[in-house]
Amino acid sequence: GVHFTEQGHRAFARGLLKVLDELSPAFAAPC
C-alpha cells in the first residue's frame, strides 16, 4: 500500500515528463 509497483514507476515517469514539458522550455526533453 506504500511502494510503487514497476508499472507505478513508469506511470510516475510519464506524469513527471508531462509536468516538466509544461514548466519551462528549459526542462523539456531535448531528444
PDB file of all heavy atoms in Angstrom:
ATOM      1  N   GLY A   1       0.788  -1.223   0.000  1.00  0.00           N
ATOM      2  CA  GLY A   1       0.000   0.000   0.000  1.00  0.00           C
ATOM      3  C   GLY A   1       0.817   1.269   0.000  1.00  0.00           C
ATOM      4  O   GLY A   1       0.271   2.372  -0.052  1.00  0.00           O
ATOM      5  N   VAL A   2       2.151   1.140   0.038  1.00  0.00           N
ATOM      6  CA  VAL A   2       3.044   2.291   0.183  1.00  0.00           C
ATOM      7  C   VAL A   2       3.992   2.465  -1.004  1.00  0.00           C
ATOM      8  O   VAL A   2       4.209   3.581  -1.468  1.00  0.00           O
ATOM      9  CB  VAL A   2       3.869   2.160   1.488  1.00  0.00           C
ATOM     10  CG1 VAL A   2       4.927   3.242   1.588  1.00  0.00           C
ATOM     11  CG2 VAL A   2       2.951   2.177   2.700  1.00  0.00           C
ATOM     12  N   HIS A   3       4.557   1.373  -1.472  1.00  0.00           N
ATOM     13  CA  HIS A   3       5.583   1.455  -2.521  1.00  0.00           C
ATOM     14  C   HIS A   3       4.988   1.302  -3.917  1.00  0.00           C
ATOM     15  O   HIS A   3       4.031   0.555  -4.119  1.00  0.00           O
ATOM     16  CB  HIS A   3       6.655   0.382  -2.295  1.00  0.00           C
ATOM     17  CG  HIS A   3       7.465   0.620  -1.070  1.00  0.00           C
ATOM     18  ND1 HIS A   3       7.235  -0.046   0.111  1.00  0.00           N
ATOM     19  CD2 HIS A   3       8.479   1.491  -0.841  1.00  0.00           C
ATOM     20  CE1 HIS A   3       8.093   0.394   1.016  1.00  0.00           C
ATOM     21  NE2 HIS A   3       8.853   1.325   0.480  1.00  0.00           N
ATOM     22  N   PHE A   4       5.594   2.014  -4.870  1.00  0.00           N
ATOM     23  CA  PHE A   4       5.155   1.917  -6.260  1.00  0.00           C
ATOM     24  C   PHE A   4       5.455   0.518  -6.809  1.00  0.00           C
ATOM     25  O   PHE A   4       6.471  -0.081  -6.468  1.00  0.00           O
ATOM     26  CB  PHE A   4       5.912   2.906  -7.159  1.00  0.00           C
ATOM     27  CG  PHE A   4       5.804   4.353  -6.804  1.00  0.00           C
ATOM     28  CD1 PHE A   4       6.543   5.288  -7.505  1.00  0.00           C
ATOM     29  CD2 PHE A   4       4.976   4.809  -5.786  1.00  0.00           C
ATOM     30  CE1 PHE A   4       6.473   6.641  -7.206  1.00  0.00           C
ATOM     31  CE2 PHE A   4       4.892   6.166  -5.483  1.00  0.00           C
ATOM     32  CZ  PHE A   4       5.654   7.078  -6.194  1.00  0.00           C
ATOM     33  N   THR A   5       4.587   0.042  -7.686  1.00  0.00           N
ATOM     34  CA  THR A   5       4.906  -1.137  -8.486  1.00  0.00           C
ATOM     35  C   THR A   5       5.812  -0.686  -9.638  1.00  0.00           C
ATOM     36  O   THR A   5       6.040   0.512  -9.838  1.00  0.00           O
ATOM     37  CB  THR A   5       3.631  -1.760  -9.084  1.00  0.00           C
ATOM     38  OG1 THR A   5       3.030  -0.795  -9.970  1.00  0.00           O
ATOM     39  CG2 THR A   5       2.645  -2.173  -8.005  1.00  0.00           C
ATOM     40  N   GLU A   6       6.292  -1.641 -10.417  1.00  0.00           N
ATOM     41  CA  GLU A   6       7.073  -1.285 -11.608  1.00  0.00           C
ATOM     42  C   GLU A   6       6.222  -0.451 -12.561  1.00  0.00           C
ATOM     43  O   GLU A   6       6.685   0.555 -13.110  1.00  0.00           O
ATOM     44  CB  GLU A   6       7.576  -2.552 -12.305  1.00  0.00           C
ATOM     45  CG  GLU A   6       8.618  -3.295 -11.483  1.00  0.00           C
ATOM     46  CD  GLU A   6       8.925  -4.680 -12.015  1.00  0.00           C
ATOM     47  OE1 GLU A   6       7.961  -5.460 -12.225  1.00  0.00           O
ATOM     48  OE2 GLU A   6      10.109  -4.986 -12.222  1.00  0.00           O
ATOM     49  N   GLN A   7       4.960  -0.852 -12.732  1.00  0.00           N
ATOM     50  CA  GLN A   7       4.051  -0.079 -13.584  1.00  0.00           C
ATOM     51  C   GLN A   7       3.824   1.308 -12.988  1.00  0.00           C
ATOM     52  O   GLN A   7       3.684   2.297 -13.709  1.00  0.00           O
ATOM     53  CB  GLN A   7       2.711  -0.809 -13.743  1.00  0.00           C
ATOM     54  CG  GLN A   7       2.793  -2.148 -14.439  1.00  0.00           C
ATOM     55  CD  GLN A   7       3.176  -3.310 -13.511  1.00  0.00           C
ATOM     56  OE1 GLN A   7       3.461  -3.119 -12.326  1.00  0.00           O
ATOM     57  NE2 GLN A   7       3.219  -4.503 -14.058  1.00  0.00           N
ATOM     58  N   GLY A   8       3.792   1.379 -11.652  1.00  0.00           N
ATOM     59  CA  GLY A   8       3.625   2.660 -10.977  1.00  0.00           C
ATOM     60  C   GLY A   8       4.782   3.603 -11.249  1.00  0.00           C
ATOM     61  O   GLY A   8       4.591   4.800 -11.460  1.00  0.00           O
ATOM     62  N   HIS A   9       5.996   3.067 -11.253  1.00  0.00           N
ATOM     63  CA  HIS A   9       7.166   3.893 -11.574  1.00  0.00           C
ATOM     64  C   HIS A   9       7.072   4.429 -12.998  1.00  0.00           C
ATOM     65  O   HIS A   9       7.382   5.605 -13.245  1.00  0.00           O
ATOM     66  CB  HIS A   9       8.455   3.075 -11.409  1.00  0.00           C
ATOM     67  CG  HIS A   9       8.993   3.086 -10.022  1.00  0.00           C
ATOM     68  ND1 HIS A   9       9.884   4.027  -9.575  1.00  0.00           N
ATOM     69  CD2 HIS A   9       8.754   2.252  -8.970  1.00  0.00           C
ATOM     70  CE1 HIS A   9      10.188   3.775  -8.295  1.00  0.00           C
ATOM     71  NE2 HIS A   9       9.512   2.713  -7.917  1.00  0.00           N
ATOM     72  N   ARG A  10       6.641   3.594 -13.924  1.00  0.00           N
ATOM     73  CA  ARG A  10       6.536   4.053 -15.319  1.00  0.00           C
ATOM     74  C   ARG A  10       5.445   5.114 -15.461  1.00  0.00           C
ATOM     75  O   ARG A  10       5.614   6.104 -16.178  1.00  0.00           O
ATOM     76  CB  ARG A  10       6.293   2.862 -16.245  1.00  0.00           C
ATOM     77  CG  ARG A  10       7.498   1.913 -16.310  1.00  0.00           C
ATOM     78  CD  ARG A  10       7.425   0.942 -17.459  1.00  0.00           C
ATOM     79  NE  ARG A  10       6.282   0.049 -17.377  1.00  0.00           N
ATOM     80  CZ  ARG A  10       6.264  -1.134 -16.760  1.00  0.00           C
ATOM     81  NH1 ARG A  10       7.358  -1.568 -16.150  1.00  0.00           N
ATOM     82  NH2 ARG A  10       5.180  -1.876 -16.751  1.00  0.00           N
ATOM     83  N   ALA A  11       4.325   4.929 -14.743  1.00  0.00           N
ATOM     84  CA  ALA A  11       3.254   5.932 -14.779  1.00  0.00           C
ATOM     85  C   ALA A  11       3.727   7.242 -14.156  1.00  0.00           C
ATOM     86  O   ALA A  11       3.428   8.332 -14.658  1.00  0.00           O
ATOM     87  CB  ALA A  11       2.015   5.412 -14.047  1.00  0.00           C
ATOM     88  N   PHE A  12       4.471   7.143 -13.071  1.00  0.00           N
ATOM     89  CA  PHE A  12       5.014   8.337 -12.422  1.00  0.00           C
ATOM     90  C   PHE A  12       5.925   9.086 -13.398  1.00  0.00           C
ATOM     91  O   PHE A  12       5.856  10.310 -13.527  1.00  0.00           O
ATOM     92  CB  PHE A  12       5.786   7.945 -11.158  1.00  0.00           C
ATOM     93  CG  PHE A  12       6.252   9.114 -10.341  1.00  0.00           C
ATOM     94  CD1 PHE A  12       5.514   9.565  -9.261  1.00  0.00           C
ATOM     95  CD2 PHE A  12       7.438   9.775 -10.656  1.00  0.00           C
ATOM     96  CE1 PHE A  12       5.938  10.650  -8.506  1.00  0.00           C
ATOM     97  CE2 PHE A  12       7.866  10.858  -9.908  1.00  0.00           C
ATOM     98  CZ  PHE A  12       7.114  11.298  -8.831  1.00  0.00           C
ATOM     99  N   ALA A  13       6.789   8.356 -14.083  1.00  0.00           N
ATOM    100  CA  ALA A  13       7.702   8.979 -15.049  1.00  0.00           C
ATOM    101  C   ALA A  13       6.927   9.694 -16.150  1.00  0.00           C
ATOM    102  O   ALA A  13       7.271  10.820 -16.532  1.00  0.00           O
ATOM    103  CB  ALA A  13       8.637   7.925 -15.646  1.00  0.00           C
ATOM    104  N   ARG A  14       5.867   9.074 -16.655  1.00  0.00           N
ATOM    105  CA  ARG A  14       5.055   9.715 -17.699  1.00  0.00           C
ATOM    106  C   ARG A  14       4.455  11.019 -17.190  1.00  0.00           C
ATOM    107  O   ARG A  14       4.478  12.042 -17.876  1.00  0.00           O
ATOM    108  CB  ARG A  14       3.922   8.779 -18.156  1.00  0.00           C
ATOM    109  CG  ARG A  14       4.362   7.686 -19.101  1.00  0.00           C
ATOM    110  CD  ARG A  14       3.164   7.002 -19.755  1.00  0.00           C
ATOM    111  NE  ARG A  14       2.277   6.347 -18.795  1.00  0.00           N
ATOM    112  CZ  ARG A  14       2.422   5.104 -18.359  1.00  0.00           C
ATOM    113  NH1 ARG A  14       3.418   4.353 -18.781  1.00  0.00           N
ATOM    114  NH2 ARG A  14       1.562   4.598 -17.497  1.00  0.00           N
ATOM    115  N   GLY A  15       3.906  10.983 -15.976  1.00  0.00           N
ATOM    116  CA  GLY A  15       3.310  12.188 -15.405  1.00  0.00           C
ATOM    117  C   GLY A  15       4.337  13.289 -15.205  1.00  0.00           C
ATOM    118  O   GLY A  15       4.081  14.452 -15.515  1.00  0.00           O
ATOM    119  N   LEU A  16       5.510  12.926 -14.710  1.00  0.00           N
ATOM    120  CA  LEU A  16       6.543  13.919 -14.457  1.00  0.00           C
ATOM    121  C   LEU A  16       7.079  14.512 -15.757  1.00  0.00           C
ATOM    122  O   LEU A  16       7.333  15.717 -15.843  1.00  0.00           O
ATOM    123  CB  LEU A  16       7.673  13.300 -13.636  1.00  0.00           C
ATOM    124  CG  LEU A  16       8.833  14.229 -13.269  1.00  0.00           C
ATOM    125  CD1 LEU A  16       8.346  15.505 -12.585  1.00  0.00           C
ATOM    126  CD2 LEU A  16       9.829  13.497 -12.380  1.00  0.00           C
ATOM    127  N   LEU A  17       7.247  13.689 -16.771  1.00  0.00           N
ATOM    128  CA  LEU A  17       7.715  14.204 -18.063  1.00  0.00           C
ATOM    129  C   LEU A  17       6.750  15.244 -18.622  1.00  0.00           C
ATOM    130  O   LEU A  17       7.177  16.276 -19.157  1.00  0.00           O
ATOM    131  CB  LEU A  17       7.907  13.048 -19.055  1.00  0.00           C
ATOM    132  CG  LEU A  17       9.151  12.186 -18.811  1.00  0.00           C
ATOM    133  CD1 LEU A  17       9.048  10.876 -19.573  1.00  0.00           C
ATOM    134  CD2 LEU A  17      10.421  12.937 -19.202  1.00  0.00           C
ATOM    135  N   LYS A  18       5.458  15.004 -18.469  1.00  0.00           N
ATOM    136  CA  LYS A  18       4.469  15.990 -18.925  1.00  0.00           C
ATOM    137  C   LYS A  18       4.592  17.289 -18.145  1.00  0.00           C
ATOM    138  O   LYS A  18       4.518  18.383 -18.702  1.00  0.00           O
ATOM    139  CB  LYS A  18       3.049  15.429 -18.790  1.00  0.00           C
ATOM    140  CG  LYS A  18       2.721  14.337 -19.795  1.00  0.00           C
ATOM    141  CD  LYS A  18       1.318  13.795 -19.577  1.00  0.00           C
ATOM    142  CE  LYS A  18       1.038  12.634 -20.502  1.00  0.00           C
ATOM    143  NZ  LYS A  18      -0.261  11.988 -20.212  1.00  0.00           N
ATOM    144  N   VAL A  19       4.761  17.172 -16.836  1.00  0.00           N
ATOM    145  CA  VAL A  19       4.905  18.370 -16.000  1.00  0.00           C
ATOM    146  C   VAL A  19       6.141  19.158 -16.404  1.00  0.00           C
ATOM    147  O   VAL A  19       6.099  20.381 -16.538  1.00  0.00           O
ATOM    148  CB  VAL A  19       4.970  17.981 -14.500  1.00  0.00           C
ATOM    149  CG1 VAL A  19       5.446  19.143 -13.654  1.00  0.00           C
ATOM    150  CG2 VAL A  19       3.609  17.507 -14.032  1.00  0.00           C
ATOM    151  N   LEU A  20       7.255  18.484 -16.607  1.00  0.00           N
ATOM    152  CA  LEU A  20       8.488  19.177 -16.984  1.00  0.00           C
ATOM    153  C   LEU A  20       8.325  19.897 -18.317  1.00  0.00           C
ATOM    154  O   LEU A  20       8.818  21.011 -18.495  1.00  0.00           O
ATOM    155  CB  LEU A  20       9.657  18.198 -17.039  1.00  0.00           C
ATOM    156  CG  LEU A  20      10.100  17.598 -15.709  1.00  0.00           C
ATOM    157  CD1 LEU A  20      11.261  16.643 -15.913  1.00  0.00           C
ATOM    158  CD2 LEU A  20      10.473  18.678 -14.706  1.00  0.00           C
ATOM    159  N   ASP A  21       7.633  19.274 -19.258  1.00  0.00           N
ATOM    160  CA  ASP A  21       7.375  19.918 -20.548  1.00  0.00           C
ATOM    161  C   ASP A  21       6.563  21.198 -20.365  1.00  0.00           C
ATOM    162  O   ASP A  21       6.758  22.181 -21.079  1.00  0.00           O
ATOM    163  CB  ASP A  21       6.627  18.974 -21.490  1.00  0.00           C
ATOM    164  CG  ASP A  21       7.541  17.937 -22.122  1.00  0.00           C
ATOM    165  OD1 ASP A  21       8.777  18.108 -22.085  1.00  0.00           O
ATOM    166  OD2 ASP A  21       7.020  16.949 -22.667  1.00  0.00           O
ATOM    167  N   GLU A  22       5.636  21.188 -19.391  1.00  0.00           N
ATOM    168  CA  GLU A  22       4.763  22.346 -19.167  1.00  0.00           C
ATOM    169  C   GLU A  22       5.434  23.452 -18.345  1.00  0.00           C
ATOM    170  O   GLU A  22       5.077  24.618 -18.473  1.00  0.00           O
ATOM    171  CB  GLU A  22       3.485  21.897 -18.453  1.00  0.00           C
ATOM    172  CG  GLU A  22       2.610  20.989 -19.303  1.00  0.00           C
ATOM    173  CD  GLU A  22       1.521  20.289 -18.507  1.00  0.00           C
ATOM    174  OE1 GLU A  22       1.418  20.544 -17.277  1.00  0.00           O
ATOM    175  OE2 GLU A  22       0.789  19.481 -19.092  1.00  0.00           O
ATOM    176  N   LEU A  23       6.397  23.082 -17.499  1.00  0.00           N
ATOM    177  CA  LEU A  23       7.012  24.062 -16.604  1.00  0.00           C
ATOM    178  C   LEU A  23       7.795  25.129 -17.346  1.00  0.00           C
ATOM    179  O   LEU A  23       7.645  26.318 -17.095  1.00  0.00           O
ATOM    180  CB  LEU A  23       7.964  23.370 -15.623  1.00  0.00           C
ATOM    181  CG  LEU A  23       7.347  22.565 -14.501  1.00  0.00           C
ATOM    182  CD1 LEU A  23       8.435  22.056 -13.572  1.00  0.00           C
ATOM    183  CD2 LEU A  23       6.345  23.394 -13.719  1.00  0.00           C
ATOM    184  N   SER A  24       8.650  24.667 -18.231  1.00  0.00           N
ATOM    185  CA  SER A  24       9.563  25.607 -18.880  1.00  0.00           C
ATOM    186  C   SER A  24      10.213  24.926 -20.071  1.00  0.00           C
ATOM    187  O   SER A  24      10.513  23.730 -20.007  1.00  0.00           O
ATOM    188  CB  SER A  24      10.641  26.043 -17.881  1.00  0.00           C
ATOM    189  OG  SER A  24      11.724  26.643 -18.539  1.00  0.00           O
ATOM    190  N   PRO A  25      10.467  25.659 -21.143  1.00  0.00           N
ATOM    191  CA  PRO A  25      11.191  25.068 -22.274  1.00  0.00           C
ATOM    192  C   PRO A  25      12.560  24.532 -21.851  1.00  0.00           C
ATOM    193  O   PRO A  25      13.065  23.589 -22.440  1.00  0.00           O
ATOM    194  CB  PRO A  25      11.351  26.237 -23.250  1.00  0.00           C
ATOM    195  CG  PRO A  25      10.272  27.190 -22.891  1.00  0.00           C
ATOM    196  CD  PRO A  25      10.059  27.037 -21.407  1.00  0.00           C
ATOM    197  N   ALA A  26      13.137  25.109 -20.802  1.00  0.00           N
ATOM    198  CA  ALA A  26      14.451  24.654 -20.340  1.00  0.00           C
ATOM    199  C   ALA A  26      14.420  23.217 -19.843  1.00  0.00           C
ATOM    200  O   ALA A  26      15.416  22.500 -19.922  1.00  0.00           O
ATOM    201  CB  ALA A  26      14.947  25.567 -19.223  1.00  0.00           C
ATOM    202  N   PHE A  27      13.257  22.779 -19.323  1.00  0.00           N
ATOM    203  CA  PHE A  27      13.159  21.427 -18.773  1.00  0.00           C
ATOM    204  C   PHE A  27      12.595  20.423 -19.770  1.00  0.00           C
ATOM    205  O   PHE A  27      12.497  19.242 -19.467  1.00  0.00           O
ATOM    206  CB  PHE A  27      12.287  21.418 -17.510  1.00  0.00           C
ATOM    207  CG  PHE A  27      12.809  22.315 -16.431  1.00  0.00           C
ATOM    208  CD1 PHE A  27      11.966  23.198 -15.791  1.00  0.00           C
ATOM    209  CD2 PHE A  27      14.137  22.285 -16.061  1.00  0.00           C
ATOM    210  CE1 PHE A  27      12.437  24.038 -14.782  1.00  0.00           C
ATOM    211  CE2 PHE A  27      14.620  23.121 -15.063  1.00  0.00           C
ATOM    212  CZ  PHE A  27      13.765  23.998 -14.423  1.00  0.00           C
ATOM    213  N   ALA A  28      12.176  20.881 -20.935  1.00  0.00           N
ATOM    214  CA  ALA A  28      11.619  19.974 -21.931  1.00  0.00           C
ATOM    215  C   ALA A  28      12.716  19.044 -22.433  1.00  0.00           C
ATOM    216  O   ALA A  28      13.878  19.428 -22.557  1.00  0.00           O
ATOM    217  CB  ALA A  28      11.014  20.755 -23.089  1.00  0.00           C
ATOM    218  N   ALA A  29      12.347  17.827 -22.720  1.00  0.00           N
ATOM    219  CA  ALA A  29      13.320  16.834 -23.173  1.00  0.00           C
ATOM    220  C   ALA A  29      13.928  17.260 -24.512  1.00  0.00           C
ATOM    221  O   ALA A  29      13.211  17.589 -25.440  1.00  0.00           O
ATOM    222  CB  ALA A  29      12.649  15.479 -23.314  1.00  0.00           C
ATOM    223  N   PRO A  30      15.273  17.249 -24.613  1.00  0.00           N
ATOM    224  CA  PRO A  30      15.910  17.659 -25.853  1.00  0.00           C
ATOM    225  C   PRO A  30      15.909  16.591 -26.930  1.00  0.00           C
ATOM    226  O   PRO A  30      16.248  16.861 -28.069  1.00  0.00           O
ATOM    227  CB  PRO A  30      17.345  17.968 -25.403  1.00  0.00           C
ATOM    228  CG  PRO A  30      17.567  17.047 -24.240  1.00  0.00           C
ATOM    229  CD  PRO A  30      16.223  16.944 -23.562  1.00  0.00           C
ATOM    230  N   CYS A  31      15.538  15.365 -26.559  1.00  0.00           N
ATOM    231  CA  CYS A  31      15.566  14.290 -27.542  1.00  0.00           C
ATOM    232  C   CYS A  31      14.167  13.705 -27.674  1.00  0.00           C
ATOM    233  O   CYS A  31      13.376  13.738 -26.745  1.00  0.00           O
ATOM    234  CB  CYS A  31      16.555  13.208 -27.121  1.00  0.00           C
ATOM    235  SG  CYS A  31      16.279  12.559 -25.472  1.00  0.00           S
TER     236      CYS A  31
END
